[in-house]
Amino acid sequence: MALLRDNIRRVSSADGGVVLDLRRGTMFRLNPLGSEILDRLERGEALPDIANQISAEFRVARDVVWADIQDFIDSLELHGVLDPSTRER
């Protein structure tokens, strides 16, 4: 799955997380769910599994969760946080 680029550092907390792009000097804040999604990706979990778990946990339709996760991943790729060449769909 999508991996963080080499120039990216991140910190997670109960309140979410922060992603720092060392090359550009930019910072992105993540809400708790966004931070959890990145944690799961870094542990090697597949996007479909993550979507299924979030759908069940929050009782939201899987297709809605899937679309939101895809948008989140697209945004991280657009801002250079994730390496798009490692993405699975």
C-alpha atoms as a PDB file:
ATOM      1  CA  MET A   1       0.000   0.000   0.000  1.00  0.00           C
ATOM      2  CA  ALA A   2       0.945   3.629  -0.219  1.00  0.00           C
ATOM      3  CA  LEU A   3       3.967   4.437   1.869  1.00  0.00           C
ATOM      4  CA  LEU A   4       5.189   7.720   3.251  1.00  0.00           C
ATOM      5  CA  ARG A   5       7.828   9.425   1.162  1.00  0.00           C
ATOM      6  CA  ASP A   6      11.349   9.578   2.625  1.00  0.00           C
ATOM      7  CA  ASN A   7      11.062  13.291   3.407  1.00  0.00           C
ATOM      8  CA  ILE A   8       7.928  12.827   5.532  1.00  0.00           C
ATOM      9  CA  ARG A   9       7.782  12.509   9.318  1.00  0.00           C
ATOM     10  CA  ARG A  10       4.651  12.041  11.363  1.00  0.00           C
ATOM     11  CA  VAL A  11       3.504  11.982  14.948  1.00  0.00           C
ATOM     12  CA  SER A  12       0.233  10.527  16.222  1.00  0.00           C
ATOM     13  CA  SER A  13      -1.716  11.239  19.385  1.00  0.00           C
ATOM     14  CA  ALA A  14      -5.233  10.691  20.693  1.00  0.00           C
ATOM     15  CA  ASP A  15      -6.157  14.023  19.095  1.00  0.00           C
ATOM     16  CA  GLY A  16      -4.990  13.019  15.628  1.00  0.00           C
ATOM     17  CA  GLY A  17      -1.596  13.618  14.169  1.00  0.00           C
ATOM     18  CA  VAL A  18       0.817  15.862  12.366  1.00  0.00           C
ATOM     19  CA  VAL A  19       2.639  15.143   9.127  1.00  0.00           C
ATOM     20  CA  LEU A  20       5.765  17.183   8.377  1.00  0.00           C
ATOM     21  CA  ASP A  21       7.317  17.488   4.933  1.00  0.00           C
ATOM     22  CA  LEU A  22      10.999  18.127   5.708  1.00  0.00           C
ATOM     23  CA  ARG A  23      11.836  19.085   2.123  1.00  0.00           C
ATOM     24  CA  ARG A  24       9.171  21.775   1.775  1.00  0.00           C
ATOM     25  CA  GLY A  25       8.848  22.743   5.420  1.00  0.00           C
ATOM     26  CA  THR A  26       5.085  22.215   5.341  1.00  0.00           C
ATOM     27  CA  MET A  27       2.926  20.621   7.990  1.00  0.00           C
ATOM     28  CA  PHE A  28      -0.439  18.869   7.758  1.00  0.00           C
ATOM     29  CA  ARG A  29      -2.776  18.106  10.629  1.00  0.00           C
ATOM     30  CA  LEU A  30      -4.742  14.876  10.713  1.00  0.00           C
ATOM     31  CA  ASN A  31      -7.910  14.147  12.621  1.00  0.00           C
ATOM     32  CA  PRO A  32      -7.917  10.962  14.738  1.00  0.00           C
ATOM     33  CA  LEU A  33      -9.427   8.825  11.988  1.00  0.00           C
ATOM     34  CA  GLY A  34      -6.958  10.075   9.373  1.00  0.00           C
ATOM     35  CA  SER A  35      -4.105   9.295  11.735  1.00  0.00           C
ATOM     36  CA  GLU A  36      -5.535   5.823  12.377  1.00  0.00           C
ATOM     37  CA  ILE A  37      -5.784   5.144   8.646  1.00  0.00           C
ATOM     38  CA  LEU A  38      -2.107   6.039   8.195  1.00  0.00           C
ATOM     39  CA  ASP A  39      -1.179   3.864  11.198  1.00  0.00           C
ATOM     40  CA  ARG A  40      -2.995   0.931   9.621  1.00  0.00           C
ATOM     41  CA  LEU A  41      -1.378   1.519   6.234  1.00  0.00           C
ATOM     42  CA  GLU A  42       2.053   1.583   7.831  1.00  0.00           C
ATOM     43  CA  ARG A  43       1.262  -1.756   9.508  1.00  0.00           C
ATOM     44  CA  GLY A  44       0.550  -3.183   6.053  1.00  0.00           C
ATOM     45  CA  GLU A  45      -3.241  -3.395   6.251  1.00  0.00           C
ATOM     46  CA  ALA A  46      -5.037  -3.282   2.907  1.00  0.00           C
ATOM     47  CA  LEU A  47      -7.376  -0.417   2.061  1.00  0.00           C
ATOM     48  CA  PRO A  48     -10.426  -2.696   1.590  1.00  0.00           C
ATOM     49  CA  ASP A  49      -9.885  -4.154   5.079  1.00  0.00           C
ATOM     50  CA  ILE A  50      -9.533  -0.699   6.596  1.00  0.00           C
ATOM     51  CA  ALA A  51     -12.728   0.437   4.875  1.00  0.00           C
ATOM     52  CA  ASN A  52     -14.624  -2.620   6.117  1.00  0.00           C
ATOM     53  CA  GLN A  53     -13.489  -2.081   9.709  1.00  0.00           C
ATOM     54  CA  ILE A  54     -14.324   1.623   9.721  1.00  0.00           C
ATOM     55  CA  SER A  55     -17.693   0.931   8.103  1.00  0.00           C
ATOM     56  CA  ALA A  56     -18.567  -1.585  10.802  1.00  0.00           C
ATOM     57  CA  GLU A  57     -17.204   0.498  13.674  1.00  0.00           C
ATOM     58  CA  PHE A  58     -19.046   3.699  12.744  1.00  0.00           C
ATOM     59  CA  ARG A  59     -22.064   2.042  11.079  1.00  0.00           C
ATOM     60  CA  VAL A  60     -21.547   3.921   7.837  1.00  0.00           C
ATOM     61  CA  ALA A  61     -22.131   2.350   4.434  1.00  0.00           C
ATOM     62  CA  ARG A  62     -18.952   0.782   3.098  1.00  0.00           C
ATOM     63  CA  ASP A  63     -19.174   2.604  -0.239  1.00  0.00           C
ATOM     64  CA  VAL A  64     -19.269   5.947   1.600  1.00  0.00           C
ATOM     65  CA  VAL A  65     -16.253   4.989   3.731  1.00  0.00           C
ATOM     66  CA  TRP A  66     -14.401   3.695   0.650  1.00  0.00           C
ATOM     67  CA  ALA A  67     -14.972   6.961  -1.238  1.00  0.00           C
ATOM     68  CA  ASP A  68     -13.808   9.007   1.761  1.00  0.00           C
ATOM     69  CA  ILE A  69     -10.661   6.913   2.172  1.00  0.00           C
ATOM     70  CA  GLN A  70      -9.892   7.241  -1.542  1.00  0.00           C
ATOM     71  CA  ASP A  71     -10.295  11.026  -1.301  1.00  0.00           C
ATOM     72  CA  PHE A  72      -8.013  11.089   1.750  1.00  0.00           C
ATOM     73  CA  ILE A  73      -5.329   9.022  -0.011  1.00  0.00           C
ATOM     74  CA  ASP A  74      -5.628  11.164  -3.167  1.00  0.00           C
ATOM     75  CA  SER A  75      -5.121  14.308  -1.079  1.00  0.00           C
ATOM     76  CA  LEU A  76      -2.048  12.890   0.651  1.00  0.00           C
ATOM     77  CA  GLU A  77      -0.578  11.917  -2.720  1.00  0.00           C
ATOM     78  CA  LEU A  78      -1.356  15.347  -4.170  1.00  0.00           C
ATOM     79  CA  HIS A  79       0.502  17.023  -1.301  1.00  0.00           C
ATOM     80  CA  GLY A  80       3.487  14.691  -1.651  1.00  0.00           C
ATOM     81  CA  VAL A  81       2.962  12.810   1.597  1.00  0.00           C
ATOM     82  CA  LEU A  82       2.384   9.378   0.060  1.00  0.00           C
ATOM     83  CA  ASP A  83       4.265   7.811  -2.800  1.00  0.00           C
ATOM     84  CA  PRO A  84       1.627   7.093  -5.486  1.00  0.00           C
ATOM     85  CA  SER A  85       3.773   4.387  -7.077  1.00  0.00           C
ATOM     86  CA  THR A  86       3.155   2.160  -4.029  1.00  0.00           C
ATOM     87  CA  ARG A  87      -0.646   2.538  -4.130  1.00  0.00           C
ATOM     88  CA  GLU A  88      -3.025  -0.388  -4.392  1.00  0.00           C
ATOM     89  CA  ARG A  89      -6.652   0.097  -5.337  1.00  0.00           C
END
